[in-house]
């Protein structure tokens, strides 16, 4: 039996990492994947402050040492001075995957006009897909609903483990696969 796929879930927040308030983003991501994924997987979670070097170091650790096929971050994607998640992600990726950020902003813009201020992005580091998500749980779900259909195939293409989804929750797209239903 194959080992469970490792998925890194990183909350980036000065206040949550200091215990000033409870992390809501990380648990929202964990809940989403618990409902959407049917293949075995293991969450590796981190709560860290908004520090560019620390974010980059955490992403490298999760990709290179932990072997996460997917790393999702929440927080630090706005225009505030301490919002440096996209910059830290760009520091460590090999390939930018701009379609993820474009789609997430498009979906969010249909809900709130301030989505234009969001700077989510995604990229590949080795055999890891890194996706920056917003910080609010409802926005996390909306963005994951938009990009999740492409994530399993992207991980296939970078030679990661096969992630299978529950089609009642989200239908993963793989070329050449007959549509279900």
C-alpha atoms as a PDB file:
ATOM      1  CA  UNK A   1       0.000   0.000   0.000  1.00  0.00           C
ATOM      2  CA  UNK A   2       1.306   3.437  -0.950  1.00  0.00           C
ATOM      3  CA  UNK A   3       2.282   5.944   1.698  1.00  0.00           C
ATOM      4  CA  UNK A   4      -0.221   8.745   2.221  1.00  0.00           C
ATOM      5  CA  UNK A   5       0.399  11.898   0.214  1.00  0.00           C
ATOM      6  CA  UNK A   6       1.821  14.666   2.367  1.00  0.00           C
ATOM      7  CA  UNK A   7       0.106  18.046   2.196  1.00  0.00           C
ATOM      8  CA  UNK A   8       1.634  21.064   3.900  1.00  0.00           C
ATOM      9  CA  UNK A   9      -0.786  23.592   5.390  1.00  0.00           C
ATOM     10  CA  UNK A  10       0.871  26.837   6.452  1.00  0.00           C
ATOM     11  CA  UNK A  11      -0.905  29.649   8.283  1.00  0.00           C
ATOM     12  CA  UNK A  12       1.042  32.881   7.947  1.00  0.00           C
ATOM     13  CA  UNK A  13      -0.003  35.346  10.621  1.00  0.00           C
ATOM     14  CA  UNK A  14       1.890  37.337  13.220  1.00  0.00           C
ATOM     15  CA  UNK A  15      -1.066  37.272  15.620  1.00  0.00           C
ATOM     16  CA  UNK A  16      -2.055  33.612  15.191  1.00  0.00           C
ATOM     17  CA  UNK A  17       1.573  32.480  15.537  1.00  0.00           C
ATOM     18  CA  UNK A  18       1.855  34.528  18.755  1.00  0.00           C
ATOM     19  CA  UNK A  19      -1.362  33.030  20.145  1.00  0.00           C
ATOM     20  CA  UNK A  20      -3.183  36.381  20.123  1.00  0.00           C
ATOM     21  CA  UNK A  21      -6.058  34.826  18.200  1.00  0.00           C
ATOM     22  CA  UNK A  22      -7.023  31.379  16.987  1.00  0.00           C
ATOM     23  CA  UNK A  23      -5.965  30.243  13.555  1.00  0.00           C
ATOM     24  CA  UNK A  24      -9.065  29.883  11.359  1.00  0.00           C
ATOM     25  CA  UNK A  25      -7.383  29.536   7.959  1.00  0.00           C
ATOM     26  CA  UNK A  26      -5.386  26.366   8.604  1.00  0.00           C
ATOM     27  CA  UNK A  27      -8.366  24.471  10.038  1.00  0.00           C
ATOM     28  CA  UNK A  28     -10.525  25.635   7.088  1.00  0.00           C
ATOM     29  CA  UNK A  29      -7.998  24.157   4.647  1.00  0.00           C
ATOM     30  CA  UNK A  30      -7.740  20.949   6.668  1.00  0.00           C
ATOM     31  CA  UNK A  31     -11.529  20.633   6.705  1.00  0.00           C
ATOM     32  CA  UNK A  32     -11.726  21.276   2.950  1.00  0.00           C
ATOM     33  CA  UNK A  33      -9.213  18.552   2.094  1.00  0.00           C
ATOM     34  CA  UNK A  34     -10.825  16.152   4.583  1.00  0.00           C
ATOM     35  CA  UNK A  35     -14.049  16.456   2.595  1.00  0.00           C
ATOM     36  CA  UNK A  36     -12.591  16.687  -0.917  1.00  0.00           C
ATOM     37  CA  UNK A  37      -9.882  14.012  -0.933  1.00  0.00           C
ATOM     38  CA  UNK A  38     -10.587  10.293  -0.928  1.00  0.00           C
ATOM     39  CA  UNK A  39      -7.008   9.040  -1.382  1.00  0.00           C
ATOM     40  CA  UNK A  40      -4.846   8.644   1.741  1.00  0.00           C
ATOM     41  CA  UNK A  41      -3.120  11.861   2.814  1.00  0.00           C
ATOM     42  CA  UNK A  42      -1.387  13.352   5.808  1.00  0.00           C
ATOM     43  CA  UNK A  43      -1.441  17.006   6.847  1.00  0.00           C
ATOM     44  CA  UNK A  44       1.756  18.680   7.983  1.00  0.00           C
ATOM     45  CA  UNK A  45       0.739  21.972   9.574  1.00  0.00           C
ATOM     46  CA  UNK A  46       2.651  25.076  10.531  1.00  0.00           C
ATOM     47  CA  UNK A  47       1.659  28.457  12.004  1.00  0.00           C
ATOM     48  CA  UNK A  48       4.346  31.047  11.397  1.00  0.00           C
ATOM     49  CA  UNK A  49       4.733  34.848  11.509  1.00  0.00           C
ATOM     50  CA  UNK A  50       4.746  37.156   8.479  1.00  0.00           C
ATOM     51  CA  UNK A  51       8.511  37.038   7.950  1.00  0.00           C
ATOM     52  CA  UNK A  52       9.762  36.552   4.388  1.00  0.00           C
ATOM     53  CA  UNK A  53      12.830  34.485   5.291  1.00  0.00           C
ATOM     54  CA  UNK A  54      10.840  32.298   7.694  1.00  0.00           C
ATOM     55  CA  UNK A  55       8.091  31.697   5.147  1.00  0.00           C
ATOM     56  CA  UNK A  56      10.647  30.740   2.497  1.00  0.00           C
ATOM     57  CA  UNK A  57      12.446  28.433   4.941  1.00  0.00           C
ATOM     58  CA  UNK A  58       9.161  26.723   5.891  1.00  0.00           C
ATOM     59  CA  UNK A  59       8.211  26.175   2.234  1.00  0.00           C
ATOM     60  CA  UNK A  60      11.645  24.683   1.489  1.00  0.00           C
ATOM     61  CA  UNK A  61      11.404  22.405   4.549  1.00  0.00           C
ATOM     62  CA  UNK A  62       7.930  21.156   3.585  1.00  0.00           C
ATOM     63  CA  UNK A  63       8.901  20.595  -0.058  1.00  0.00           C
ATOM     64  CA  UNK A  64      12.442  19.267   0.237  1.00  0.00           C
ATOM     65  CA  UNK A  65      12.620  17.605   3.650  1.00  0.00           C
ATOM     66  CA  UNK A  66       9.018  16.564   4.340  1.00  0.00           C
ATOM     67  CA  UNK A  67       8.268  15.655   0.709  1.00  0.00           C
ATOM     68  CA  UNK A  68       4.899  17.410   0.524  1.00  0.00           C
ATOM     69  CA  UNK A  69       3.387  17.114  -2.953  1.00  0.00           C
ATOM     70  CA  UNK A  70       1.107  20.064  -2.209  1.00  0.00           C
ATOM     71  CA  UNK A  71       1.724  23.018   0.082  1.00  0.00           C
ATOM     72  CA  UNK A  72      -1.031  25.541   0.650  1.00  0.00           C
ATOM     73  CA  UNK A  73      -0.544  28.765   2.533  1.00  0.00           C
ATOM     74  CA  UNK A  74      -3.145  31.056   4.027  1.00  0.00           C
ATOM     75  CA  UNK A  75      -2.557  34.685   4.831  1.00  0.00           C
ATOM     76  CA  UNK A  76      -0.084  37.366   3.861  1.00  0.00           C
ATOM     77  CA  UNK A  77      -1.367  37.930   0.318  1.00  0.00           C
ATOM     78  CA  UNK A  78      -2.743  41.457   0.683  1.00  0.00           C
ATOM     79  CA  UNK A  79      -1.068  44.836   0.105  1.00  0.00           C
ATOM     80  CA  UNK A  80      -0.137  45.582   3.737  1.00  0.00           C
ATOM     81  CA  UNK A  81       3.569  46.072   4.456  1.00  0.00           C
ATOM     82  CA  UNK A  82       3.836  42.759   6.385  1.00  0.00           C
ATOM     83  CA  UNK A  83       2.052  40.757   3.645  1.00  0.00           C
ATOM     84  CA  UNK A  84       5.035  39.010   2.039  1.00  0.00           C
ATOM     85  CA  UNK A  85       3.803  35.493   1.299  1.00  0.00           C
ATOM     86  CA  UNK A  86       3.920  35.847  -2.519  1.00  0.00           C
ATOM     87  CA  UNK A  87       7.452  37.275  -2.386  1.00  0.00           C
ATOM     88  CA  UNK A  88       8.641  34.440  -0.122  1.00  0.00           C
ATOM     89  CA  UNK A  89       7.003  31.913  -2.430  1.00  0.00           C
ATOM     90  CA  UNK A  90       8.683  33.439  -5.483  1.00  0.00           C
ATOM     91  CA  UNK A  91      12.011  33.197  -3.631  1.00  0.00           C
ATOM     92  CA  UNK A  92      11.792  29.386  -3.524  1.00  0.00           C
ATOM     93  CA  UNK A  93       9.862  28.212  -6.593  1.00  0.00           C
ATOM     94  CA  UNK A  94      11.346  26.930  -9.849  1.00  0.00           C
ATOM     95  CA  UNK A  95       8.292  27.661 -12.000  1.00  0.00           C
ATOM     96  CA  UNK A  96       5.513  30.191 -11.622  1.00  0.00           C
ATOM     97  CA  UNK A  97       1.983  28.889 -12.299  1.00  0.00           C
ATOM     98  CA  UNK A  98       0.127  32.184 -12.931  1.00  0.00           C
ATOM     99  CA  UNK A  99      -3.206  30.631 -13.886  1.00  0.00           C
ATOM    100  CA  UNK A 100      -3.912  29.688 -10.266  1.00  0.00           C
ATOM    101  CA  UNK A 101      -3.704  33.269  -8.990  1.00  0.00           C
ATOM    102  CA  UNK A 102      -5.595  34.624 -11.990  1.00  0.00           C
ATOM    103  CA  UNK A 103      -8.477  32.197 -11.449  1.00  0.00           C
ATOM    104  CA  UNK A 104      -8.621  32.754  -7.684  1.00  0.00           C
ATOM    105  CA  UNK A 105      -8.809  36.531  -8.155  1.00  0.00           C
ATOM    106  CA  UNK A 106     -11.486  36.154 -10.836  1.00  0.00           C
ATOM    107  CA  UNK A 107     -13.652  33.971  -8.589  1.00  0.00           C
ATOM    108  CA  UNK A 108     -13.147  36.274  -5.598  1.00  0.00           C
ATOM    109  CA  UNK A 109     -13.849  39.403  -7.635  1.00  0.00           C
ATOM    110  CA  UNK A 110     -17.335  38.060  -8.353  1.00  0.00           C
ATOM    111  CA  UNK A 111     -17.914  38.166  -4.566  1.00  0.00           C
ATOM    112  CA  UNK A 112     -16.083  41.302  -3.360  1.00  0.00           C
ATOM    113  CA  UNK A 113     -14.578  44.287  -5.184  1.00  0.00           C
ATOM    114  CA  UNK A 114     -11.505  44.248  -2.945  1.00  0.00           C
ATOM    115  CA  UNK A 115     -10.375  40.922  -4.467  1.00  0.00           C
ATOM    116  CA  UNK A 116      -8.352  43.039  -6.870  1.00  0.00           C
ATOM    117  CA  UNK A 117      -6.029  43.727  -3.910  1.00  0.00           C
ATOM    118  CA  UNK A 118      -5.232  40.032  -3.504  1.00  0.00           C
ATOM    119  CA  UNK A 119      -1.851  38.722  -4.588  1.00  0.00           C
ATOM    120  CA  UNK A 120      -2.299  34.942  -4.453  1.00  0.00           C
ATOM    121  CA  UNK A 121       0.010  32.934  -6.657  1.00  0.00           C
ATOM    122  CA  UNK A 122       1.207  29.393  -7.174  1.00  0.00           C
ATOM    123  CA  UNK A 123       4.382  27.727  -8.293  1.00  0.00           C
ATOM    124  CA  UNK A 124       6.362  24.517  -8.500  1.00  0.00           C
ATOM    125  CA  UNK A 125       9.367  23.636  -6.377  1.00  0.00           C
ATOM    126  CA  UNK A 126      10.762  20.270  -7.423  1.00  0.00           C
ATOM    127  CA  UNK A 127       7.879  17.841  -6.961  1.00  0.00           C
ATOM    128  CA  UNK A 128       5.778  20.219  -4.861  1.00  0.00           C
ATOM    129  CA  UNK A 129       2.962  22.518  -5.927  1.00  0.00           C
ATOM    130  CA  UNK A 130       2.753  25.584  -3.677  1.00  0.00           C
ATOM    131  CA  UNK A 131      -0.508  27.567  -3.673  1.00  0.00           C
ATOM    132  CA  UNK A 132      -1.026  30.827  -1.774  1.00  0.00           C
ATOM    133  CA  UNK A 133      -4.605  31.219  -0.546  1.00  0.00           C
ATOM    134  CA  UNK A 134      -6.326  34.179   1.119  1.00  0.00           C
ATOM    135  CA  UNK A 135      -6.779  34.255   4.889  1.00  0.00           C
ATOM    136  CA  UNK A 136     -10.558  34.186   5.364  1.00  0.00           C
ATOM    137  CA  UNK A 137     -12.160  30.704   5.595  1.00  0.00           C
ATOM    138  CA  UNK A 138     -14.984  31.524   3.152  1.00  0.00           C
ATOM    139  CA  UNK A 139     -12.500  32.918   0.617  1.00  0.00           C
ATOM    140  CA  UNK A 140     -10.288  29.845   1.109  1.00  0.00           C
ATOM    141  CA  UNK A 141     -13.175  27.532   0.172  1.00  0.00           C
ATOM    142  CA  UNK A 142     -14.145  29.665  -2.837  1.00  0.00           C
ATOM    143  CA  UNK A 143     -10.577  29.705  -4.121  1.00  0.00           C
ATOM    144  CA  UNK A 144     -10.023  25.988  -3.523  1.00  0.00           C
ATOM    145  CA  UNK A 145     -13.303  25.191  -5.293  1.00  0.00           C
ATOM    146  CA  UNK A 146     -11.931  27.095  -8.304  1.00  0.00           C
ATOM    147  CA  UNK A 147      -8.425  25.589  -8.483  1.00  0.00           C
ATOM    148  CA  UNK A 148      -8.886  22.131  -6.966  1.00  0.00           C
ATOM    149  CA  UNK A 149     -10.093  20.548 -10.234  1.00  0.00           C
ATOM    150  CA  UNK A 150      -6.592  21.173 -11.683  1.00  0.00           C
ATOM    151  CA  UNK A 151      -4.466  20.358  -8.625  1.00  0.00           C
ATOM    152  CA  UNK A 152      -4.445  16.516  -8.875  1.00  0.00           C
ATOM    153  CA  UNK A 153      -3.427  16.609 -12.551  1.00  0.00           C
ATOM    154  CA  UNK A 154      -0.745  19.220 -11.850  1.00  0.00           C
ATOM    155  CA  UNK A 155       0.682  16.929  -9.155  1.00  0.00           C
ATOM    156  CA  UNK A 156       0.563  14.017 -11.626  1.00  0.00           C
ATOM    157  CA  UNK A 157       2.581  16.111 -14.097  1.00  0.00           C
ATOM    158  CA  UNK A 158       5.297  16.890 -11.535  1.00  0.00           C
ATOM    159  CA  UNK A 159       5.497  13.172 -10.693  1.00  0.00           C
ATOM    160  CA  UNK A 160       3.814  13.367  -7.321  1.00  0.00           C
ATOM    161  CA  UNK A 161       1.368  10.903  -5.770  1.00  0.00           C
ATOM    162  CA  UNK A 162      -2.103  10.472  -7.204  1.00  0.00           C
ATOM    163  CA  UNK A 163      -4.654  12.604  -5.369  1.00  0.00           C
ATOM    164  CA  UNK A 164      -8.218  11.396  -5.806  1.00  0.00           C
ATOM    165  CA  UNK A 165     -11.239  13.528  -5.027  1.00  0.00           C
ATOM    166  CA  UNK A 166     -14.802  12.798  -4.014  1.00  0.00           C
ATOM    167  CA  UNK A 167     -16.816  13.779  -7.114  1.00  0.00           C
ATOM    168  CA  UNK A 168     -19.740  14.751  -4.871  1.00  0.00           C
ATOM    169  CA  UNK A 169     -17.481  17.503  -3.465  1.00  0.00           C
ATOM    170  CA  UNK A 170     -15.134  18.404  -6.332  1.00  0.00           C
ATOM    171  CA  UNK A 171     -14.411  16.776  -9.676  1.00  0.00           C
ATOM    172  CA  UNK A 172     -10.725  16.575 -10.526  1.00  0.00           C
ATOM    173  CA  UNK A 173      -9.962  16.969 -14.219  1.00  0.00           C
ATOM    174  CA  UNK A 174      -7.508  14.670 -15.933  1.00  0.00           C
ATOM    175  CA  UNK A 175      -7.208  14.800 -19.756  1.00  0.00           C
ATOM    176  CA  UNK A 176      -8.443  11.698 -21.509  1.00  0.00           C
ATOM    177  CA  UNK A 177     -10.637  10.743 -18.585  1.00  0.00           C
ATOM    178  CA  UNK A 178     -14.278  10.223 -19.422  1.00  0.00           C
ATOM    179  CA  UNK A 179     -16.587  12.595 -17.552  1.00  0.00           C
ATOM    180  CA  UNK A 180     -18.491  10.892 -14.751  1.00  0.00           C
ATOM    181  CA  UNK A 181     -22.229  11.088 -14.574  1.00  0.00           C
END
